[in-house]
Amino acid sequence: MARYYFHFRKGQDFLEDEEGLDLIDVETARMRAIDALREMLASDVRSGFLDRRCAIEIDDDRHRPVGAIDCDEALRIIV
């Protein structure tokens, strides 16, 4: 198990994860980030708007970037 940190970025706002989660691997961390970002987007939609300027940046236990998930990766929009 390794600890991963999920930092939320939305527009100009940035929320740093100081606790992190112990997960099996980086792929599991990416799936967690996708789920969390989808929850954030769903909350926006329930409020009547959708801000696509959002992302979750993933750091490993040494606080090195190992990936990022943005709105376009978490949500497929069909027009």
Protein backbone atom coordinates (compact mmCIF):
# COMPACT_ATOMS: atom_id res chain seq x y z
CA MET A 1 0.00 0.00 0.00
CA ALA A 2 1.08 3.53 -0.70
CA ARG A 3 -0.37 6.88 0.32
CA TYR A 4 -1.78 9.14 -2.38
CA TYR A 5 -2.86 12.76 -2.06
CA PHE A 6 -5.72 14.25 -4.08
CA HIS A 7 -5.51 18.00 -4.64
CA PHE A 8 -8.68 19.64 -5.99
CA ARG A 9 -8.48 22.49 -8.48
CA LYS A 10 -11.61 24.36 -9.59
CA GLY A 11 -11.16 27.57 -11.53
CA GLN A 12 -8.85 29.70 -9.40
CA ASP A 13 -9.53 27.68 -6.24
CA PHE A 14 -7.09 25.03 -5.01
CA LEU A 15 -7.65 22.68 -2.08
CA GLU A 16 -4.60 20.72 -0.97
CA ASP A 17 -5.13 17.24 0.47
CA GLU A 18 -3.02 16.98 3.62
CA GLU A 19 -4.25 13.54 4.76
CA GLY A 20 -4.22 11.35 1.66
CA LEU A 21 -5.44 7.78 1.31
CA ASP A 22 -3.63 4.46 1.47
CA LEU A 23 -4.32 2.62 -1.79
CA ILE A 24 -2.96 -0.39 -3.64
CA ASP A 25 -1.51 1.42 -6.66
CA VAL A 26 -1.63 4.52 -8.84
CA GLU A 27 -4.38 3.06 -11.05
CA THR A 28 -6.62 2.70 -7.99
CA ALA A 29 -5.75 6.30 -7.08
CA ARG A 30 -6.78 7.43 -10.58
CA MET A 31 -10.13 5.62 -10.26
CA ARG A 32 -10.72 7.28 -6.87
CA ALA A 33 -9.92 10.66 -8.41
CA ILE A 34 -12.38 10.06 -11.27
CA ASP A 35 -15.13 9.12 -8.80
CA ALA A 36 -14.43 12.19 -6.64
CA LEU A 37 -14.40 14.52 -9.63
CA ARG A 38 -17.68 13.07 -10.89
CA GLU A 39 -19.22 13.70 -7.47
CA MET A 40 -18.02 17.32 -7.59
CA LEU A 41 -19.45 17.74 -11.10
CA ALA A 42 -22.76 16.15 -10.05
CA SER A 43 -22.98 18.62 -7.17
CA ASP A 44 -22.47 21.48 -9.64
CA VAL A 45 -25.24 20.17 -11.89
CA ARG A 46 -27.62 19.85 -8.93
CA SER A 47 -26.88 23.52 -8.21
CA GLY A 48 -27.79 24.44 -11.78
CA PHE A 49 -24.38 25.00 -13.36
CA LEU A 50 -21.35 23.12 -14.59
CA ASP A 51 -17.83 24.49 -14.24
CA ARG A 52 -15.53 22.39 -16.44
CA ARG A 53 -12.42 24.15 -15.13
CA CYS A 54 -11.80 21.48 -12.54
CA ALA A 55 -9.21 18.78 -11.95
CA ILE A 56 -7.75 16.51 -9.32
CA GLU A 57 -3.98 16.32 -9.15
CA ILE A 58 -2.60 13.12 -7.62
CA ASP A 59 0.68 13.02 -5.66
CA ASP A 60 2.43 9.96 -4.25
CA ASP A 61 3.67 9.47 -0.69
CA ARG A 62 6.74 11.59 -1.46
CA HIS A 63 4.47 14.38 -2.74
CA ARG A 64 5.59 13.83 -6.34
CA PRO A 65 2.95 14.25 -9.06
CA VAL A 66 1.84 10.91 -10.49
CA GLY A 67 -1.18 12.00 -12.48
CA ALA A 68 -4.12 14.31 -12.90
CA ILE A 69 -7.74 13.88 -13.89
CA ASP A 70 -9.58 16.76 -15.52
CA CYS A 71 -13.25 17.24 -16.30
CA ASP A 72 -12.95 15.94 -19.86
CA GLU A 73 -11.39 12.69 -18.65
CA ALA A 74 -13.96 12.16 -15.89
CA LEU A 75 -17.07 13.06 -17.86
CA ARG A 76 -18.07 12.38 -21.44
CA ILE A 77 -20.40 15.07 -22.74
CA ILE A 78 -22.56 14.22 -25.74
CA VAL A 79 -24.12 17.16 -27.51
